[in-house]
């Protein structure tokens, strides 16, 4: 960028518009001025003699700061905030993180023309895009310090966020369509498509690696038929039944069992609570004299099919979001995670699992005719994956929209690795009662 500006100055081009056009549209602008008959080379000395106005000095300083910050944000490190409780109690809602782009290799921006420091929407607006797709680049990643490892805390672009209903942007568009129908969704909502690098940023724990066999049985995660690692901060929802007087939010907070607010639950009047907590906290709660039962919730297979039939709705929230699969968040799979170069046998039975991988993430034309599968016009009984994929899950297992709901995360959606917590604020409490989580300040993020 600096070389282009210096070159323009040596040809007497000092105006801001010339420098902007030369930097942003160098491939077009430089050839145009090169063939102008009035273009003259003024030399180094005359270029040095040109004095900037105060306004121009300020503009140059601001532009330099923005460009420098953008380079740091794109290649080295980016700030990120935990917006939901899906990773509690390992990463808390209100944690302010630094995410390392160098850990896995920085991804070159795919939509480079964008408003600085905005992700996909302009500040102070709800629907205006912060980027232009006049120029787009294919996926390319610079070398990094390593690769994604099992149990890393990974920031990635939400794979199912390629299409979004703006008014319900925190929900999966395809599940909204499944519930309401495509025509209704187009009428009711503002629907937009987003390129990979402008899709919502998510943070989850990477539990499944390319080539793994993954299954969830009664809430327990199995990887390649063996129990997966369980972190101390991992949480589930427990049904708690009490005898006599109820449970106190303050007492459970003081006992470090949970910070959750539960006293106003409808079932509380009958002595029953649904509380999110760790296994260690659940064991501690069992020692309370008035507690009769502490039981982890477990949705059996078929739960959502029964619910859809009873309510006469077409909604299957668990991946692959298809009525022939009876999986739940507690009883899921088994499922094979795609790995680059691996070949699977392809049938109409397992096609719903890999349909999005084949057609969307890997860009093939896919259709089924008379129970025969055709890929790019040719009949297919097998498929070889072109990319690596990962399986992401939140540590707050019953309060996490993760791969169990929307499937695999392609390698080209990976943004970076969470490495450092520089501030942590509890959004549910005032300064006088635990707003600042002092023990979490300036803390490295590890896998436990």
Foldseek 3Di string as FASTA:
>chain_A
DVVQQVVCLQQVDDDPVLVVCCVPVVVPSVVVVVPDPPTDGNDDVVSVPDDDDPVVVVVVVVVVVLVVVVCCCQWFKNKDAQCDQLFFPQDHHQFIFIFGQQAAFGKDFFFPAFDGPDQFADPPDQDHGRGDVPDGDDIDTGHHPDHDDAFFWFKFFDPQQQKAFSVPRVDRPVQVCQFPNDVVSVVPTDMDGDDLRRHDIDIFTFHFWAFWFWWFAQQFIDINNHTGDADQGFKAKKKWAFADDEDDCVVCVVVVFDNDDWCPDPCVVVRITIDIGGPVSLVVVVPDPGIDDIGGDGDDFQNVVVVCVVVVTRGDQFPVSDNVGRDDLRTDDRDTFHAAFDKDFDFPVCCSQCVCQLCPVVPWDWDADPRFIDTNRHTDGMDGHHFIWTFGGHSSSHPDDGCRRVHIDTPSRTRGGTFWGAFGADPVDDPVPGRGPVVRHGDTRDSD
